[in-house]
Protein backbone atom coordinates (compact mmCIF):
# COMPACT_ATOMS: atom_id res chain seq x y z
CA MET A 1 53.71 28.85 -26.47
CA LYS A 2 53.39 25.17 -25.55
CA THR A 3 52.54 26.11 -21.98
CA VAL A 4 49.77 28.47 -23.05
CA ASN A 5 48.27 25.82 -25.35
CA ARG A 6 48.38 23.24 -22.60
CA LEU A 7 46.70 25.60 -20.13
CA LEU A 8 43.97 26.42 -22.66
CA LEU A 9 43.44 22.73 -23.39
CA ALA A 10 43.28 21.91 -19.68
CA ALA A 11 40.78 24.73 -19.12
CA CYS A 12 38.60 23.50 -22.00
CA LEU A 13 38.58 19.99 -20.56
CA ALA A 14 37.98 21.06 -16.95
CA LEU A 15 35.15 23.52 -17.69
CA PRO A 16 32.52 20.94 -18.70
CA LEU A 17 33.38 18.79 -15.68
CA ALA A 18 33.00 21.74 -13.33
CA ALA A 19 29.61 22.55 -14.81
CA CYS A 20 28.40 18.97 -14.31
CA GLN A 21 29.13 19.00 -10.60
CA LYS A 22 26.55 21.64 -9.83
CA ASP A 23 24.66 20.78 -6.66
CA GLU A 24 21.02 20.79 -7.60
CA ALA A 25 18.40 19.42 -5.29
CA PRO A 26 16.35 16.77 -7.07
CA GLN A 27 12.86 17.97 -7.73
CA GLN A 28 10.23 15.67 -6.38
CA VAL A 29 6.80 16.05 -7.85
CA GLU A 30 3.96 14.61 -5.82
CA ARG A 31 1.18 13.07 -7.88
CA ALA A 32 -2.39 13.97 -7.12
CA PRO A 33 -4.18 11.10 -5.38
CA VAL A 34 -6.46 8.90 -7.48
CA ALA A 35 -10.09 9.44 -6.53
CA VAL A 36 -12.08 6.70 -4.83
CA PRO A 37 -13.94 4.73 -7.52
CA THR A 38 -17.67 5.34 -7.70
CA THR A 39 -18.34 2.03 -9.44
CA GLU A 40 -17.72 -1.61 -8.60
CA ALA A 41 -15.33 -2.05 -11.55
CA SER A 42 -12.33 -3.99 -10.29
CA ALA A 43 -10.00 -2.20 -12.72
CA ASP A 44 -10.91 1.15 -11.15
CA TRP A 45 -10.37 -0.23 -7.66
CA ARG A 46 -7.00 -1.72 -8.63
CA ALA A 47 -5.84 1.64 -10.00
CA TYR A 48 -7.00 3.32 -6.79
CA LEU A 49 -5.16 0.81 -4.60
CA GLN A 50 -1.99 1.02 -6.72
CA ASP A 51 -1.96 4.71 -5.88
CA LEU A 52 -3.10 4.56 -2.24
CA VAL A 53 -1.21 1.58 -0.80
CA PRO A 54 2.31 2.88 -1.63
CA ARG A 55 1.47 6.06 0.30
CA HIS A 56 1.28 3.90 3.46
CA MET A 57 4.39 1.79 2.88
CA GLU A 58 6.85 3.83 4.97
CA GLY A 59 8.82 1.37 7.06
CA ILE A 60 7.38 -1.63 5.20
CA THR A 61 10.08 -3.84 3.72
CA ASN A 62 8.04 -6.49 1.92
CA GLN A 63 5.48 -6.64 -0.87
CA PRO A 64 2.01 -5.81 0.54
CA TYR A 65 -0.85 -8.28 0.78
CA ILE A 66 -3.87 -6.63 -0.88
CA TYR A 67 -7.33 -8.10 -0.44
CA LEU A 68 -9.77 -6.49 -2.87
CA VAL A 69 -13.32 -7.58 -2.11
CA PRO A 70 -15.31 -7.69 -5.37
CA GLY A 71 -18.53 -5.77 -5.85
CA GLU A 72 -21.71 -7.64 -5.04
CA SER A 73 -23.01 -7.23 -8.59
CA THR A 74 -20.11 -9.25 -10.04
CA ASP A 75 -20.67 -12.76 -11.35
CA ASP A 76 -20.29 -15.39 -8.65
CA PHE A 77 -19.78 -12.82 -5.90
CA GLN A 78 -20.22 -15.32 -3.08
CA GLY A 79 -17.76 -17.79 -4.61
CA ASN A 80 -15.16 -15.05 -5.14
CA TYR A 81 -15.71 -13.71 -1.62
CA ASP A 82 -15.36 -17.18 -0.08
CA ARG A 83 -12.11 -17.85 -1.97
CA LEU A 84 -10.71 -14.47 -0.92
CA LEU A 85 -11.65 -15.13 2.71
CA GLU A 86 -9.97 -18.54 2.55
CA LYS A 87 -6.80 -16.98 1.09
CA ALA A 88 -6.75 -14.20 3.71
CA SER A 89 -7.31 -16.66 6.55
CA THR A 90 -4.62 -19.03 5.24
CA ASP A 91 -2.13 -16.18 4.91
CA LEU A 92 -2.74 -15.19 8.54
CA GLN A 93 -2.58 -18.77 9.81
CA ARG A 94 0.81 -19.24 8.13
CA GLY A 95 2.01 -16.13 9.91
CA ILE A 96 2.74 -12.65 8.68
CA VAL A 97 6.14 -11.36 9.78
CA ARG A 98 7.31 -7.89 10.77
CA GLY A 99 7.66 -5.47 7.85
CA ASN A 100 4.48 -6.49 5.99
CA LEU A 101 1.33 -4.58 5.15
CA LEU A 102 -2.13 -6.05 4.78
CA ALA A 103 -4.62 -3.86 2.87
CA TYR A 104 -8.36 -4.56 2.84
CA ALA A 105 -10.59 -2.64 0.40
CA GLY A 106 -13.55 -2.87 -1.94
CA PRO A 107 -16.70 -1.14 -3.09
CA ASN A 108 -18.81 -2.44 -0.16
CA PRO A 109 -17.19 -1.35 3.14
CA ALA A 110 -19.38 -3.70 5.21
CA LYS A 111 -18.22 -6.74 3.21
CA VAL A 112 -14.60 -5.58 3.48
CA ALA A 113 -15.03 -5.28 7.25
CA ASP A 114 -16.61 -8.75 7.33
CA LEU A 115 -13.61 -10.17 5.47
CA ALA A 116 -11.00 -8.51 7.66
CA SER A 117 -12.80 -9.47 10.88
CA ALA A 118 -13.33 -13.07 9.82
CA ALA A 119 -9.74 -13.47 8.60
CA PHE A 120 -8.34 -12.39 11.98
CA GLN A 121 -10.43 -14.88 13.96
CA GLY A 122 -8.10 -17.31 15.65
CA VAL A 123 -4.95 -15.21 15.18
CA PRO A 124 -3.01 -15.41 18.47
CA ALA A 125 -2.83 -12.19 20.48
CA GLY A 126 0.37 -10.22 19.95
CA SER A 127 1.58 -12.52 17.18
CA MET A 128 1.83 -9.87 14.46
CA GLN A 129 4.07 -7.17 15.95
CA GLY A 130 5.51 -4.88 13.26
CA VAL A 131 2.75 -5.65 10.74
CA ARG A 132 0.56 -2.82 9.43
CA VAL A 133 -3.12 -3.37 8.59
CA LEU A 134 -4.73 -0.83 6.28
CA TYR A 135 -8.53 -0.79 6.20
CA ILE A 136 -9.96 1.30 3.37
CA GLY A 137 -13.66 1.67 4.00
CA SER A 138 -16.29 3.57 5.96
CA ALA A 139 -16.06 5.24 9.34
CA ALA A 140 -19.11 3.23 10.43
CA GLU A 141 -17.12 -0.03 10.06
CA ASN A 142 -13.80 1.33 11.37
CA GLU A 143 -14.25 0.40 15.03
CA ARG A 144 -15.42 -3.13 14.19
CA VAL A 145 -12.33 -3.81 12.07
CA LYS A 146 -10.03 -2.14 14.60
CA ALA A 147 -11.43 -4.31 17.41
CA ALA A 148 -10.92 -7.45 15.32
CA VAL A 149 -7.31 -6.82 14.23
CA GLU A 150 -5.63 -4.92 17.08
CA PRO A 151 -5.42 -7.86 19.52
CA ALA A 152 -2.95 -9.46 17.08
CA GLY A 153 -0.57 -6.58 17.86
CA VAL A 154 -0.72 -4.92 14.44
CA GLU A 155 -0.36 -1.24 13.63
CA TYR A 156 -3.87 -0.34 12.44
CA VAL A 157 -4.44 2.40 9.84
CA PHE A 158 -7.88 3.53 8.68
CA VAL A 159 -8.45 5.38 5.39
CA GLU A 160 -11.98 6.54 4.71
CA ALA A 161 -13.08 5.78 1.18
CA LYS A 162 -15.25 8.75 0.41
C-alpha cells in the first residue's frame, strides 16, 4: 500500500512539471509601421522615428544618434537648425566608431539633406567603417546625401518618407 501511495504521489508531482516543459515556439507579433507624419509636429516625428530607427538597428551595438531637423514653421527655426548642425558636426569630428547608427530626418527633406551634407564636410575618407547612416527623406535628395556621406566609408541606407 505504501508503494502505491508513493507512486501516485510521485505521478501527481511529476505531471505538472512535464506539462510545463512543452516546447512551444514563441509567437512574435510584428507591429504595423507608424505612418510618416503629415505635419511638422516634433512629437509626431519622434513617434515615427522611435518606430522606424529600431527596424534598421540589426548589427548595431550602440545607441543611435538621431538628428531630427525641426519644421521651418517652428519658433526660432534657424537657431534650432544651427545648433543641431553644430552638434552633428561636433559628433562627427570627435569620431563615430564601428557599431553606431546616425539617423537624419525631418519634415523638410531638403533641409535634412543640407544638415547631413554639411555635417560630413571635413570627415576623413574611410574613417567611419562599420557605421550606418540612415537618411529618411525624399528620393530627389537621396543622391546628394549619399555622395556626401559615402566617402567616409559608412554603410548608407535610404528610407523614403512618403
